[in-house]
Amino acid sequence: MIQLDTDSRQAAQAALSTYLKAELDIEVSGFDAEFLIDFIARTLGPHFYNQGLRDAQGVMRERLETILETVEDMEVRPQT
């Protein structure tokens, strides 16, 4: 499960409480907000984490291709 540090956890709880009140007129705070954050982290966190890994792999592939092209361009060609 994704672990949040204390400050991030409190910020997430506050944001969740504010959102639920503003959008759905539901008041959630304290332990209820904490349990909901834990549920979201357990169920949705892995999907976001895995997508982040896939995104990072794509960026790394692009950068590696650029490096490989640069190295290829540096190759010395024999004179004929």
Protein backbone atom coordinates (compact mmCIF):
# COMPACT_ATOMS: atom_id res chain seq x y z
CA MET A 1 0.00 0.00 0.00
CA ILE A 2 1.14 3.53 -0.70
CA GLN A 3 2.31 5.23 2.48
CA LEU A 4 1.84 8.95 2.99
CA ASP A 5 3.90 10.99 5.41
CA THR A 6 1.99 12.82 8.14
CA ASP A 7 1.82 16.17 6.33
CA SER A 8 0.70 14.60 3.04
CA ARG A 9 -1.88 12.48 4.85
CA GLN A 10 -3.33 15.51 6.64
CA ALA A 11 -3.39 17.49 3.40
CA ALA A 12 -5.17 14.62 1.62
CA GLN A 13 -7.74 14.35 4.42
CA ALA A 14 -8.40 18.09 4.34
CA ALA A 15 -8.71 18.10 0.55
CA LEU A 16 -11.04 15.10 0.62
CA SER A 17 -13.21 16.65 3.33
CA THR A 18 -13.41 19.94 1.43
CA TYR A 19 -14.23 18.20 -1.85
CA LEU A 20 -16.95 15.97 -0.40
CA LYS A 21 -18.57 18.92 1.36
CA ALA A 22 -18.45 21.22 -1.68
CA GLU A 23 -19.43 18.70 -4.34
CA LEU A 24 -21.67 16.22 -2.53
CA ASP A 25 -22.67 18.08 0.64
CA ILE A 26 -21.24 15.22 2.71
CA GLU A 27 -19.31 15.96 5.88
CA VAL A 28 -16.40 13.58 6.42
CA SER A 29 -13.55 14.30 8.80
CA GLY A 30 -11.32 12.71 11.39
CA PHE A 31 -11.17 8.93 11.40
CA ASP A 32 -13.79 8.64 8.65
CA ALA A 33 -11.63 10.73 6.32
CA GLU A 34 -8.56 8.74 7.34
CA PHE A 35 -10.28 5.43 6.61
CA LEU A 36 -11.46 6.73 3.25
CA ILE A 37 -7.92 7.87 2.38
CA ASP A 38 -6.64 4.37 3.32
CA PHE A 39 -9.30 2.77 1.10
CA ILE A 40 -8.42 5.03 -1.83
CA ALA A 41 -4.69 4.36 -1.33
CA ARG A 42 -5.29 0.58 -1.23
CA THR A 43 -7.65 0.38 -4.19
CA LEU A 44 -6.64 3.23 -6.51
CA GLY A 45 -3.06 3.87 -5.42
CA PRO A 46 -1.57 0.87 -7.22
CA HIS A 47 -3.21 1.91 -10.50
CA PHE A 48 -1.78 5.43 -10.28
CA TYR A 49 1.61 4.08 -9.19
CA ASN A 50 1.76 1.61 -12.08
CA GLN A 51 0.72 4.28 -14.56
CA GLY A 52 3.51 6.49 -13.22
CA LEU A 53 5.98 3.67 -13.81
CA ARG A 54 4.71 3.19 -17.38
CA ASP A 55 4.98 6.93 -18.02
CA ALA A 56 8.54 6.96 -16.67
CA GLN A 57 9.47 3.99 -18.87
CA GLY A 58 8.17 5.83 -21.92
CA VAL A 59 10.23 8.93 -21.11
CA MET A 60 13.31 6.80 -20.48
CA ARG A 61 12.83 4.94 -23.79
CA GLU A 62 12.63 8.25 -25.66
CA ARG A 63 15.76 9.56 -23.94
CA LEU A 64 17.64 6.31 -24.57
CA GLU A 65 16.74 6.44 -28.25
CA THR A 66 18.07 9.99 -28.43
CA ILE A 67 21.31 8.89 -26.73
CA LEU A 68 21.67 5.92 -29.09
CA GLU A 69 21.14 8.17 -32.11
CA THR A 70 23.74 10.61 -30.78
CA VAL A 71 26.26 7.80 -30.28
CA GLU A 72 25.53 6.50 -33.79
CA ASP A 73 26.11 9.98 -35.19
CA MET A 74 29.51 10.06 -33.46
CA GLU A 75 30.63 6.90 -35.24
CA VAL A 76 33.66 7.41 -37.43
CA ARG A 77 33.15 6.26 -40.99
CA PRO A 78 36.13 4.82 -42.89
CA GLN A 79 37.35 6.94 -45.77
CA THR A 80 37.09 5.35 -49.18
